[in-house]
Amino acid sequence: MEAGVNVATAQDTICDGFHLFGTGDPLDYGLLMAYVAQYNSTDKVEIIFDMITKNSAKIMRLNDYGIKEGNTADFNIIFAETESEALRTRPGRLVFRKGKLIAKLEKKGEIL
């Protein structure tokens, strides 16, 4: 990353023979990357979020990524006050595709 290389983290395997503990949750893989890359401090959390969002979008060559008028309205609402809290607790969230709610993740004991 310091040399300007785009680094991202993701996982597409959910609980199968290749990855027994897969959840498909980008926050899980962000947390794992924070530990593996030793980015487990508050000043590095934004880098981890970039890896699971903006950097991944660059790799996928998504031209309409981000919040901008005219872009596809694909987004998540994460019920956390900070990025650190989101990685620490992996809270409930809402997932939107083309502006429509398509998934709702509730954490056990959490009320959305």
PDB file of N, CA and C in Angstrom:
ATOM      1  N   MET A   1       0.819  -1.186   0.000  1.00  0.00           N
ATOM      2  CA  MET A   1       0.000   0.000   0.000  1.00  0.00           C
ATOM      3  C   MET A   1       0.863   1.250   0.000  1.00  0.00           C
ATOM      4  N   GLU A   2       1.946   1.222   0.754  1.00  0.00           N
ATOM      5  CA  GLU A   2       2.826   2.390   0.808  1.00  0.00           C
ATOM      6  C   GLU A   2       3.469   2.679  -0.545  1.00  0.00           C
ATOM      7  N   ALA A   3       3.547   1.637  -1.404  1.00  0.00           N
ATOM      8  CA  ALA A   3       4.116   1.803  -2.738  1.00  0.00           C
ATOM      9  C   ALA A   3       3.057   2.187  -3.763  1.00  0.00           C
ATOM     10  N   GLY A   4       1.814   2.376  -3.313  1.00  0.00           N
ATOM     11  CA  GLY A   4       0.748   2.770  -4.219  1.00  0.00           C
ATOM     12  C   GLY A   4      -0.044   1.621  -4.820  1.00  0.00           C
ATOM     13  N   VAL A   5       0.185   0.411  -4.343  1.00  0.00           N
ATOM     14  CA  VAL A   5      -0.549  -0.751  -4.836  1.00  0.00           C
ATOM     15  C   VAL A   5      -1.926  -0.790  -4.172  1.00  0.00           C
ATOM     16  N   ASN A   6      -2.959  -1.009  -4.968  1.00  0.00           N
ATOM     17  CA  ASN A   6      -4.320  -1.104  -4.436  1.00  0.00           C
ATOM     18  C   ASN A   6      -4.474  -2.448  -3.723  1.00  0.00           C
ATOM     19  N   VAL A   7      -4.747  -2.429  -2.437  1.00  0.00           N
ATOM     20  CA  VAL A   7      -4.899  -3.640  -1.637  1.00  0.00           C
ATOM     21  C   VAL A   7      -6.332  -3.704  -1.128  1.00  0.00           C
ATOM     22  N   ALA A   8      -6.962  -4.869  -1.313  1.00  0.00           N
ATOM     23  CA  ALA A   8      -8.337  -5.068  -0.856  1.00  0.00           C
ATOM     24  C   ALA A   8      -8.426  -6.400  -0.128  1.00  0.00           C
ATOM     25  N   THR A   9      -9.522  -6.599   0.569  1.00  0.00           N
ATOM     26  CA  THR A   9      -9.766  -7.872   1.214  1.00  0.00           C
ATOM     27  C   THR A   9     -11.232  -8.234   1.027  1.00  0.00           C
ATOM     28  N   ALA A  10     -11.477  -9.516   0.785  1.00  0.00           N
ATOM     29  CA  ALA A  10     -12.842  -9.991   0.577  1.00  0.00           C
ATOM     30  C   ALA A  10     -12.848 -11.514   0.680  1.00  0.00           C
ATOM     31  N   GLN A  11     -14.014 -12.084   0.637  1.00  0.00           N
ATOM     32  CA  GLN A  11     -14.167 -13.541   0.676  1.00  0.00           C
ATOM     33  C   GLN A  11     -15.506 -13.875   0.044  1.00  0.00           C
ATOM     34  N   ASP A  12     -15.525 -14.855  -0.814  1.00  0.00           N
ATOM     35  CA  ASP A  12     -16.785 -15.234  -1.454  1.00  0.00           C
ATOM     36  C   ASP A  12     -17.244 -16.635  -1.047  1.00  0.00           C
ATOM     37  N   THR A  13     -16.545 -17.239  -0.116  1.00  0.00           N
ATOM     38  CA  THR A  13     -16.874 -18.593   0.304  1.00  0.00           C
ATOM     39  C   THR A  13     -17.594 -18.546   1.642  1.00  0.00           C
ATOM     40  N   ILE A  14     -18.747 -19.204   1.699  1.00  0.00           N
ATOM     41  CA  ILE A  14     -19.522 -19.200   2.932  1.00  0.00           C
ATOM     42  C   ILE A  14     -19.703 -20.632   3.417  1.00  0.00           C
ATOM     43  N   CYS A  15     -19.014 -20.954   4.488  1.00  0.00           N
ATOM     44  CA  CYS A  15     -19.147 -22.235   5.186  1.00  0.00           C
ATOM     45  C   CYS A  15     -19.168 -23.428   4.239  1.00  0.00           C
ATOM     46  N   ASP A  16     -18.033 -23.703   3.600  1.00  0.00           N
ATOM     47  CA  ASP A  16     -17.912 -24.884   2.758  1.00  0.00           C
ATOM     48  C   ASP A  16     -16.558 -25.541   3.030  1.00  0.00           C
ATOM     49  N   GLY A  17     -16.176 -26.496   2.209  1.00  0.00           N
ATOM     50  CA  GLY A  17     -14.931 -27.222   2.424  1.00  0.00           C
ATOM     51  C   GLY A  17     -13.688 -26.375   2.316  1.00  0.00           C
ATOM     52  N   PHE A  18     -13.780 -25.240   1.647  1.00  0.00           N
ATOM     53  CA  PHE A  18     -12.626 -24.366   1.508  1.00  0.00           C
ATOM     54  C   PHE A  18     -12.485 -23.396   2.668  1.00  0.00           C
ATOM     55  N   HIS A  19     -13.593 -23.057   3.288  1.00  0.00           N
ATOM     56  CA  HIS A  19     -13.566 -22.057   4.364  1.00  0.00           C
ATOM     57  C   HIS A  19     -14.688 -22.375   5.347  1.00  0.00           C
ATOM     58  N   LEU A  20     -14.383 -23.204   6.327  1.00  0.00           N
ATOM     59  CA  LEU A  20     -15.383 -23.675   7.284  1.00  0.00           C
ATOM     60  C   LEU A  20     -16.060 -22.570   8.077  1.00  0.00           C
ATOM     61  N   PHE A  21     -15.362 -21.457   8.274  1.00  0.00           N
ATOM     62  CA  PHE A  21     -15.885 -20.423   9.154  1.00  0.00           C
ATOM     63  C   PHE A  21     -16.421 -19.216   8.388  1.00  0.00           C
ATOM     64  N   GLY A  22     -16.611 -19.331   7.093  1.00  0.00           N
ATOM     65  CA  GLY A  22     -17.049 -18.220   6.261  1.00  0.00           C
ATOM     66  C   GLY A  22     -18.452 -17.738   6.603  1.00  0.00           C
ATOM     67  N   THR A  23     -18.588 -16.429   6.635  1.00  0.00           N
ATOM     68  CA  THR A  23     -19.894 -15.828   6.914  1.00  0.00           C
ATOM     69  C   THR A  23     -20.376 -14.964   5.755  1.00  0.00           C
ATOM     70  N   GLY A  24     -19.469 -14.581   4.872  1.00  0.00           N
ATOM     71  CA  GLY A  24     -19.821 -13.665   3.799  1.00  0.00           C
ATOM     72  C   GLY A  24     -19.908 -12.223   4.255  1.00  0.00           C
ATOM     73  N   ASP A  25     -19.583 -11.952   5.494  1.00  0.00           N
ATOM     74  CA  ASP A  25     -19.687 -10.612   6.063  1.00  0.00           C
ATOM     75  C   ASP A  25     -18.369  -9.854   5.860  1.00  0.00           C
ATOM     76  N   PRO A  26     -18.379  -8.780   5.062  1.00  0.00           N
ATOM     77  CA  PRO A  26     -17.139  -8.020   4.844  1.00  0.00           C
ATOM     78  C   PRO A  26     -16.508  -7.500   6.132  1.00  0.00           C
ATOM     79  N   LEU A  27     -17.311  -7.226   7.147  1.00  0.00           N
ATOM     80  CA  LEU A  27     -16.730  -6.749   8.405  1.00  0.00           C
ATOM     81  C   LEU A  27     -15.897  -7.835   9.084  1.00  0.00           C
ATOM     82  N   ASP A  28     -16.288  -9.097   8.938  1.00  0.00           N
ATOM     83  CA  ASP A  28     -15.485 -10.195   9.482  1.00  0.00           C
ATOM     84  C   ASP A  28     -14.111 -10.229   8.818  1.00  0.00           C
ATOM     85  N   TYR A  29     -14.092 -10.067   7.497  1.00  0.00           N
ATOM     86  CA  TYR A  29     -12.822 -10.128   6.776  1.00  0.00           C
ATOM     87  C   TYR A  29     -12.004  -8.864   6.986  1.00  0.00           C
ATOM     88  N   GLY A  30     -12.675  -7.742   7.218  1.00  0.00           N
ATOM     89  CA  GLY A  30     -11.959  -6.527   7.583  1.00  0.00           C
ATOM     90  C   GLY A  30     -11.261  -6.684   8.923  1.00  0.00           C
ATOM     91  N   LEU A  31     -11.966  -7.277   9.878  1.00  0.00           N
ATOM     92  CA  LEU A  31     -11.374  -7.507  11.196  1.00  0.00           C
ATOM     93  C   LEU A  31     -10.176  -8.445  11.085  1.00  0.00           C
ATOM     94  N   LEU A  32     -10.333  -9.508  10.305  1.00  0.00           N
ATOM     95  CA  LEU A  32      -9.231 -10.451  10.115  1.00  0.00           C
ATOM     96  C   LEU A  32      -8.032  -9.741   9.480  1.00  0.00           C
ATOM     97  N   MET A  33      -8.277  -8.936   8.464  1.00  0.00           N
ATOM     98  CA  MET A  33      -7.198  -8.200   7.806  1.00  0.00           C
ATOM     99  C   MET A  33      -6.531  -7.226   8.777  1.00  0.00           C
ATOM    100  N   ALA A  34      -7.315  -6.619   9.653  1.00  0.00           N
ATOM    101  CA  ALA A  34      -6.731  -5.692  10.637  1.00  0.00           C
ATOM    102  C   ALA A  34      -5.693  -6.412  11.494  1.00  0.00           C
ATOM    103  N   TYR A  35      -5.979  -7.639  11.878  1.00  0.00           N
ATOM    104  CA  TYR A  35      -5.026  -8.392  12.687  1.00  0.00           C
ATOM    105  C   TYR A  35      -3.848  -8.896  11.862  1.00  0.00           C
ATOM    106  N   VAL A  36      -4.126  -9.450  10.698  1.00  0.00           N
ATOM    107  CA  VAL A  36      -3.064 -10.009   9.860  1.00  0.00           C
ATOM    108  C   VAL A  36      -2.077  -8.924   9.428  1.00  0.00           C
ATOM    109  N   ALA A  37      -2.592  -7.763   9.028  1.00  0.00           N
ATOM    110  CA  ALA A  37      -1.730  -6.667   8.564  1.00  0.00           C
ATOM    111  C   ALA A  37      -1.222  -5.806   9.718  1.00  0.00           C
ATOM    112  N   GLN A  38      -1.616  -6.145  10.938  1.00  0.00           N
ATOM    113  CA  GLN A  38      -1.280  -5.376  12.130  1.00  0.00           C
ATOM    114  C   GLN A  38      -1.780  -3.937  12.012  1.00  0.00           C
ATOM    115  N   TYR A  39      -3.006  -3.819  11.466  1.00  0.00           N
ATOM    116  CA  TYR A  39      -3.691  -2.531  11.361  1.00  0.00           C
ATOM    117  C   TYR A  39      -4.783  -2.462  12.415  1.00  0.00           C
ATOM    118  N   ASN A  40      -4.499  -2.972  13.577  1.00  0.00           N
ATOM    119  CA  ASN A  40      -5.507  -3.041  14.636  1.00  0.00           C
ATOM    120  C   ASN A  40      -5.365  -1.889  15.631  1.00  0.00           C
ATOM    121  N   SER A  41      -5.348  -0.675  15.069  1.00  0.00           N
ATOM    122  CA  SER A  41      -5.338   0.519  15.901  1.00  0.00           C
ATOM    123  C   SER A  41      -6.314   1.524  15.297  1.00  0.00           C
ATOM    124  N   THR A  42      -6.768   2.451  16.118  1.00  0.00           N
ATOM    125  CA  THR A  42      -7.805   3.385  15.665  1.00  0.00           C
ATOM    126  C   THR A  42      -7.341   4.238  14.479  1.00  0.00           C
ATOM    127  N   ASP A  43      -6.058   4.512  14.370  1.00  0.00           N
ATOM    128  CA  ASP A  43      -5.593   5.331  13.255  1.00  0.00           C
ATOM    129  C   ASP A  43      -5.507   4.559  11.940  1.00  0.00           C
ATOM    130  N   LYS A  44      -5.674   3.234  11.984  1.00  0.00           N
ATOM    131  CA  LYS A  44      -5.597   2.417  10.768  1.00  0.00           C
ATOM    132  C   LYS A  44      -6.961   1.880  10.323  1.00  0.00           C
ATOM    133  N   VAL A  45      -8.009   2.141  11.095  1.00  0.00           N
ATOM    134  CA  VAL A  45      -9.334   1.588  10.792  1.00  0.00           C
ATOM    135  C   VAL A  45      -9.847   2.056   9.434  1.00  0.00           C
ATOM    136  N   GLU A  46      -9.605   3.320   9.096  1.00  0.00           N
ATOM    137  CA  GLU A  46     -10.072   3.830   7.798  1.00  0.00           C
ATOM    138  C   GLU A  46      -9.422   3.059   6.645  1.00  0.00           C
ATOM    139  N   ILE A  47      -8.166   2.659   6.800  1.00  0.00           N
ATOM    140  CA  ILE A  47      -7.479   1.870   5.774  1.00  0.00           C
ATOM    141  C   ILE A  47      -8.202   0.541   5.586  1.00  0.00           C
ATOM    142  N   ILE A  48      -8.591  -0.086   6.676  1.00  0.00           N
ATOM    143  CA  ILE A  48      -9.310  -1.364   6.593  1.00  0.00           C
ATOM    144  C   ILE A  48     -10.645  -1.164   5.891  1.00  0.00           C
ATOM    145  N   PHE A  49     -11.377  -0.124   6.235  1.00  0.00           N
ATOM    146  CA  PHE A  49     -12.660   0.142   5.577  1.00  0.00           C
ATOM    147  C   PHE A  49     -12.465   0.405   4.087  1.00  0.00           C
ATOM    148  N   ASP A  50     -11.389   1.102   3.721  1.00  0.00           N
ATOM    149  CA  ASP A  50     -11.098   1.306   2.299  1.00  0.00           C
ATOM    150  C   ASP A  50     -10.856  -0.034   1.603  1.00  0.00           C
ATOM    151  N   MET A  51     -10.191  -0.963   2.280  1.00  0.00           N
ATOM    152  CA  MET A  51      -9.909  -2.275   1.687  1.00  0.00           C
ATOM    153  C   MET A  51     -11.193  -3.050   1.368  1.00  0.00           C
ATOM    154  N   ILE A  52     -12.209  -2.909   2.230  1.00  0.00           N
ATOM    155  CA  ILE A  52     -13.441  -3.675   2.003  1.00  0.00           C
ATOM    156  C   ILE A  52     -14.484  -2.894   1.210  1.00  0.00           C
ATOM    157  N   THR A  53     -14.162  -1.650   0.857  1.00  0.00           N
ATOM    158  CA  THR A  53     -15.127  -0.829   0.110  1.00  0.00           C
ATOM    159  C   THR A  53     -14.475  -0.253  -1.147  1.00  0.00           C
ATOM    160  N   LYS A  54     -13.872   0.917  -1.042  1.00  0.00           N
ATOM    161  CA  LYS A  54     -13.331   1.630  -2.202  1.00  0.00           C
ATOM    162  C   LYS A  54     -12.286   0.826  -2.975  1.00  0.00           C
ATOM    163  N   ASN A  55     -11.367   0.187  -2.265  1.00  0.00           N
ATOM    164  CA  ASN A  55     -10.308  -0.557  -2.950  1.00  0.00           C
ATOM    165  C   ASN A  55     -10.879  -1.769  -3.687  1.00  0.00           C
ATOM    166  N   SER A  56     -11.847  -2.428  -3.077  1.00  0.00           N
ATOM    167  CA  SER A  56     -12.501  -3.560  -3.752  1.00  0.00           C
ATOM    168  C   SER A  56     -13.252  -3.088  -4.985  1.00  0.00           C
ATOM    169  N   ALA A  57     -13.921  -1.944  -4.891  1.00  0.00           N
ATOM    170  CA  ALA A  57     -14.650  -1.386  -6.043  1.00  0.00           C
ATOM    171  C   ALA A  57     -13.694  -1.080  -7.192  1.00  0.00           C
ATOM    172  N   LYS A  58     -12.496  -0.593  -6.877  1.00  0.00           N
ATOM    173  CA  LYS A  58     -11.489  -0.328  -7.922  1.00  0.00           C
ATOM    174  C   LYS A  58     -11.103  -1.616  -8.628  1.00  0.00           C
ATOM    175  N   ILE A  59     -10.874  -2.670  -7.854  1.00  0.00           N
ATOM    176  CA  ILE A  59     -10.496  -3.960  -8.446  1.00  0.00           C
ATOM    177  C   ILE A  59     -11.603  -4.482  -9.352  1.00  0.00           C
ATOM    178  N   MET A  60     -12.848  -4.283  -8.936  1.00  0.00           N
ATOM    179  CA  MET A  60     -13.990  -4.743  -9.730  1.00  0.00           C
ATOM    180  C   MET A  60     -14.326  -3.779 -10.866  1.00  0.00           C
ATOM    181  N   ARG A  61     -13.602  -2.663 -10.939  1.00  0.00           N
ATOM    182  CA  ARG A  61     -13.794  -1.639 -11.975  1.00  0.00           C
ATOM    183  C   ARG A  61     -15.225  -1.102 -11.988  1.00  0.00           C
ATOM    184  N   LEU A  62     -15.731  -0.815 -10.798  1.00  0.00           N
ATOM    185  CA  LEU A  62     -17.063  -0.228 -10.672  1.00  0.00           C
ATOM    186  C   LEU A  62     -16.950   1.272 -10.899  1.00  0.00           C
ATOM    187  N   ASN A  63     -17.426   1.728 -12.022  1.00  0.00           N
ATOM    188  CA  ASN A  63     -17.293   3.141 -12.383  1.00  0.00           C
ATOM    189  C   ASN A  63     -18.244   4.052 -11.624  1.00  0.00           C
ATOM    190  N   ASP A  64     -19.349   3.500 -11.128  1.00  0.00           N
ATOM    191  CA  ASP A  64     -20.335   4.351 -10.448  1.00  0.00           C
ATOM    192  C   ASP A  64     -20.347   4.093  -8.944  1.00  0.00           C
ATOM    193  N   TYR A  65     -19.177   3.809  -8.385  1.00  0.00           N
ATOM    194  CA  TYR A  65     -19.063   3.550  -6.955  1.00  0.00           C
ATOM    195  C   TYR A  65     -19.025   4.865  -6.180  1.00  0.00           C
ATOM    196  N   GLY A  66     -19.668   4.889  -5.047  1.00  0.00           N
ATOM    197  CA  GLY A  66     -19.611   6.041  -4.160  1.00  0.00           C
ATOM    198  C   GLY A  66     -20.908   6.828  -4.160  1.00  0.00           C
ATOM    199  N   ILE A  67     -20.961   7.779  -3.262  1.00  0.00           N
ATOM    200  CA  ILE A  67     -22.161   8.604  -3.119  1.00  0.00           C
ATOM    201  C   ILE A  67     -22.033   9.806  -4.051  1.00  0.00           C
ATOM    202  N   LYS A  68     -22.790   9.742  -5.134  1.00  0.00           N
ATOM    203  CA  LYS A  68     -22.772  10.802  -6.131  1.00  0.00           C
ATOM    204  C   LYS A  68     -24.062  10.706  -6.933  1.00  0.00           C
ATOM    205  N   GLU A  69     -24.646  11.833  -7.242  1.00  0.00           N
ATOM    206  CA  GLU A  69     -25.883  11.843  -8.009  1.00  0.00           C
ATOM    207  C   GLU A  69     -25.692  11.082  -9.320  1.00  0.00           C
ATOM    208  N   GLY A  70     -26.646  10.180  -9.603  1.00  0.00           N
ATOM    209  CA  GLY A  70     -26.601   9.385 -10.823  1.00  0.00           C
ATOM    210  C   GLY A  70     -25.978   8.013 -10.645  1.00  0.00           C
ATOM    211  N   ASN A  71     -25.243   7.797  -9.544  1.00  0.00           N
ATOM    212  CA  ASN A  71     -24.662   6.475  -9.299  1.00  0.00           C
ATOM    213  C   ASN A  71     -25.738   5.489  -8.871  1.00  0.00           C
ATOM    214  N   THR A  72     -25.445   4.211  -9.054  1.00  0.00           N
ATOM    215  CA  THR A  72     -26.341   3.161  -8.591  1.00  0.00           C
ATOM    216  C   THR A  72     -26.476   3.264  -7.077  1.00  0.00           C
ATOM    217  N   ALA A  73     -27.684   3.152  -6.576  1.00  0.00           N
ATOM    218  CA  ALA A  73     -27.918   3.291  -5.131  1.00  0.00           C
ATOM    219  C   ALA A  73     -27.753   1.940  -4.438  1.00  0.00           C
ATOM    220  N   ASP A  74     -26.523   1.423  -4.435  1.00  0.00           N
ATOM    221  CA  ASP A  74     -26.172   0.209  -3.701  1.00  0.00           C
ATOM    222  C   ASP A  74     -25.400   0.660  -2.464  1.00  0.00           C
ATOM    223  N   PHE A  75     -25.906   0.330  -1.288  1.00  0.00           N
ATOM    224  CA  PHE A  75     -25.229   0.779  -0.071  1.00  0.00           C
ATOM    225  C   PHE A  75     -25.679  -0.050   1.121  1.00  0.00           C
ATOM    226  N   ASN A  76     -24.916   0.067   2.191  1.00  0.00           N
ATOM    227  CA  ASN A  76     -25.230  -0.573   3.465  1.00  0.00           C
ATOM    228  C   ASN A  76     -25.365   0.501   4.531  1.00  0.00           C
ATOM    229  N   ILE A  77     -26.269   0.286   5.446  1.00  0.00           N
ATOM    230  CA  ILE A  77     -26.357   1.115   6.642  1.00  0.00           C
ATOM    231  C   ILE A  77     -25.915   0.230   7.792  1.00  0.00           C
ATOM    232  N   ILE A  78     -24.815   0.614   8.420  1.00  0.00           N
ATOM    233  CA  ILE A  78     -24.243  -0.166   9.521  1.00  0.00           C
ATOM    234  C   ILE A  78     -24.587   0.550  10.822  1.00  0.00           C
ATOM    235  N   PHE A  79     -25.177  -0.167  11.755  1.00  0.00           N
ATOM    236  CA  PHE A  79     -25.619   0.433  13.010  1.00  0.00           C
ATOM    237  C   PHE A  79     -24.476   0.496  14.018  1.00  0.00           C
ATOM    238  N   ALA A  80     -23.531   1.394  13.734  1.00  0.00           N
ATOM    239  CA  ALA A  80     -22.386   1.640  14.614  1.00  0.00           C
ATOM    240  C   ALA A  80     -22.035   3.114  14.491  1.00  0.00           C
ATOM    241  N   GLU A  81     -21.524   3.671  15.555  1.00  0.00           N
ATOM    242  CA  GLU A  81     -21.177   5.093  15.535  1.00  0.00           C
ATOM    243  C   GLU A  81     -19.820   5.363  14.902  1.00  0.00           C
ATOM    244  N   THR A  82     -18.933   4.384  14.922  1.00  0.00           N
ATOM    245  CA  THR A  82     -17.601   4.557  14.349  1.00  0.00           C
ATOM    246  C   THR A  82     -17.204   3.305  13.584  1.00  0.00           C
ATOM    247  N   GLU A  83     -16.189   3.446  12.738  1.00  0.00           N
ATOM    248  CA  GLU A  83     -15.661   2.282  12.018  1.00  0.00           C
ATOM    249  C   GLU A  83     -15.088   1.261  13.001  1.00  0.00           C
ATOM    250  N   SER A  84     -14.420   1.742  14.045  1.00  0.00           N
ATOM    251  CA  SER A  84     -13.854   0.828  15.053  1.00  0.00           C
ATOM    252  C   SER A  84     -14.951  -0.002  15.710  1.00  0.00           C
ATOM    253  N   GLU A  85     -16.055   0.658  16.046  1.00  0.00           N
ATOM    254  CA  GLU A  85     -17.176  -0.054  16.669  1.00  0.00           C
ATOM    255  C   GLU A  85     -17.765  -1.077  15.694  1.00  0.00           C
ATOM    256  N   ALA A  86     -17.853  -0.715  14.420  1.00  0.00           N
ATOM    257  CA  ALA A  86     -18.396  -1.641  13.422  1.00  0.00           C
ATOM    258  C   ALA A  86     -17.534  -2.888  13.315  1.00  0.00           C
ATOM    259  N   LEU A  87     -16.220  -2.736  13.298  1.00  0.00           N
ATOM    260  CA  LEU A  87     -15.337  -3.909  13.237  1.00  0.00           C
ATOM    261  C   LEU A  87     -15.377  -4.703  14.540  1.00  0.00           C
ATOM    262  N   ARG A  88     -15.427  -3.996  15.643  1.00  0.00           N
ATOM    263  CA  ARG A  88     -15.414  -4.678  16.946  1.00  0.00           C
ATOM    264  C   ARG A  88     -16.678  -5.493  17.178  1.00  0.00           C
ATOM    265  N   THR A  89     -17.833  -4.931  16.848  1.00  0.00           N
ATOM    266  CA  THR A  89     -19.100  -5.593  17.199  1.00  0.00           C
ATOM    267  C   THR A  89     -19.791  -6.269  16.020  1.00  0.00           C
ATOM    268  N   ARG A  90     -19.400  -5.902  14.786  1.00  0.00           N
ATOM    269  CA  ARG A  90     -20.077  -6.393  13.575  1.00  0.00           C
ATOM    270  C   ARG A  90     -21.589  -6.380  13.782  1.00  0.00           C
ATOM    271  N   PRO A  91     -22.144  -5.153  13.918  1.00  0.00           N
ATOM    272  CA  PRO A  91     -23.542  -4.970  14.307  1.00  0.00           C
ATOM    273  C   PRO A  91     -24.530  -5.261  13.172  1.00  0.00           C
ATOM    274  N   GLY A  92     -25.799  -5.105  13.502  1.00  0.00           N
ATOM    275  CA  GLY A  92     -26.850  -5.246  12.508  1.00  0.00           C
ATOM    276  C   GLY A  92     -26.711  -4.184  11.431  1.00  0.00           C
ATOM    277  N   ARG A  93     -27.313  -4.477  10.279  1.00  0.00           N
ATOM    278  CA  ARG A  93     -27.261  -3.502   9.189  1.00  0.00           C
ATOM    279  C   ARG A  93     -28.348  -3.763   8.166  1.00  0.00           C
ATOM    280  N   LEU A  94     -28.523  -2.789   7.298  1.00  0.00           N
ATOM    281  CA  LEU A  94     -29.468  -2.879   6.195  1.00  0.00           C
ATOM    282  C   LEU A  94     -28.671  -2.835   4.899  1.00  0.00           C
ATOM    283  N   VAL A  95     -29.078  -3.659   3.932  1.00  0.00           N
ATOM    284  CA  VAL A  95     -28.395  -3.719   2.647  1.00  0.00           C
ATOM    285  C   VAL A  95     -29.371  -3.292   1.552  1.00  0.00           C
ATOM    286  N   PHE A  96     -28.950  -2.319   0.757  1.00  0.00           N
ATOM    287  CA  PHE A  96     -29.788  -1.807  -0.317  1.00  0.00           C
ATOM    288  C   PHE A  96     -29.135  -2.085  -1.664  1.00  0.00           C
ATOM    289  N   ARG A  97     -29.945  -2.462  -2.631  1.00  0.00           N
ATOM    290  CA  ARG A  97     -29.489  -2.672  -4.011  1.00  0.00           C
ATOM    291  C   ARG A  97     -30.418  -1.870  -4.908  1.00  0.00           C
ATOM    292  N   LYS A  98     -29.848  -0.988  -5.696  1.00  0.00           N
ATOM    293  CA  LYS A  98     -30.624  -0.102  -6.568  1.00  0.00           C
ATOM    294  C   LYS A  98     -31.710   0.640  -5.788  1.00  0.00           C
ATOM    295  N   GLY A  99     -31.359   1.036  -4.562  1.00  0.00           N
ATOM    296  CA  GLY A  99     -32.256   1.836  -3.738  1.00  0.00           C
ATOM    297  C   GLY A  99     -33.322   1.058  -2.991  1.00  0.00           C
ATOM    298  N   LYS A 100     -33.361  -0.255  -3.149  1.00  0.00           N
ATOM    299  CA  LYS A 100     -34.383  -1.073  -2.474  1.00  0.00           C
ATOM    300  C   LYS A 100     -33.739  -1.948  -1.409  1.00  0.00           C
ATOM    301  N   LEU A 101     -34.369  -2.014  -0.259  1.00  0.00           N
ATOM    302  CA  LEU A 101     -33.891  -2.866   0.832  1.00  0.00           C
ATOM    303  C   LEU A 101     -33.971  -4.321   0.398  1.00  0.00           C
ATOM    304  N   ILE A 102     -32.818  -5.018   0.408  1.00  0.00           N
ATOM    305  CA  ILE A 102     -32.818  -6.431   0.005  1.00  0.00           C
ATOM    306  C   ILE A 102     -32.435  -7.375   1.140  1.00  0.00           C
ATOM    307  N   ALA A 103     -31.832  -6.848   2.201  1.00  0.00           N
ATOM    308  CA  ALA A 103     -31.439  -7.710   3.313  1.00  0.00           C
ATOM    309  C   ALA A 103     -31.363  -6.897   4.595  1.00  0.00           C
ATOM    310  N   LYS A 104     -31.653  -7.578   5.672  1.00  0.00           N
ATOM    311  CA  LYS A 104     -31.615  -6.969   6.999  1.00  0.00           C
ATOM    312  C   LYS A 104     -30.909  -7.950   7.919  1.00  0.00           C
ATOM    313  N   LEU A 105     -29.800  -7.542   8.467  1.00  0.00           N
ATOM    314  CA  LEU A 105     -29.047  -8.392   9.381  1.00  0.00           C
ATOM    315  C   LEU A 105     -29.269  -7.885  10.788  1.00  0.00           C
ATOM    316  N   GLU A 106     -29.824  -8.724  11.608  1.00  0.00           N
ATOM    317  CA  GLU A 106     -30.005  -8.371  13.007  1.00  0.00           C
ATOM    318  C   GLU A 106     -29.044  -9.210  13.839  1.00  0.00           C
ATOM    319  N   LYS A 107     -28.392  -8.572  14.748  1.00  0.00           N
ATOM    320  CA  LYS A 107     -27.510  -9.287  15.646  1.00  0.00           C
ATOM    321  C   LYS A 107     -28.325  -9.778  16.821  1.00  0.00           C
ATOM    322  N   LYS A 108     -28.092 -10.987  17.273  1.00  0.00           N
ATOM    323  CA  LYS A 108     -28.844 -11.552  18.379  1.00  0.00           C
ATOM    324  C   LYS A 108     -28.849 -10.605  19.579  1.00  0.00           C
ATOM    325  N   GLY A 109     -30.015 -10.297  20.083  1.00  0.00           N
ATOM    326  CA  GLY A 109     -30.155  -9.408  21.208  1.00  0.00           C
ATOM    327  C   GLY A 109     -30.158  -7.937  20.849  1.00  0.00           C
ATOM    328  N   GLU A 110     -30.023  -7.645  19.553  1.00  0.00           N
ATOM    329  CA  GLU A 110     -29.985  -6.261  19.102  1.00  0.00           C
ATOM    330  C   GLU A 110     -31.313  -5.924  18.436  1.00  0.00           C
ATOM    331  N   ILE A 111     -31.832  -4.771  18.713  1.00  0.00           N
ATOM    332  CA  ILE A 111     -33.086  -4.340  18.116  1.00  0.00           C
ATOM    333  C   ILE A 111     -32.786  -3.289  17.070  1.00  0.00           C
ATOM    334  N   LEU A 112     -33.251  -3.511  15.848  1.00  0.00           N
ATOM    335  CA  LEU A 112     -33.049  -2.531  14.767  1.00  0.00           C
ATOM    336  C   LEU A 112     -34.233  -1.618  14.671  1.00  0.00           C
TER     337      LEU A 112
END
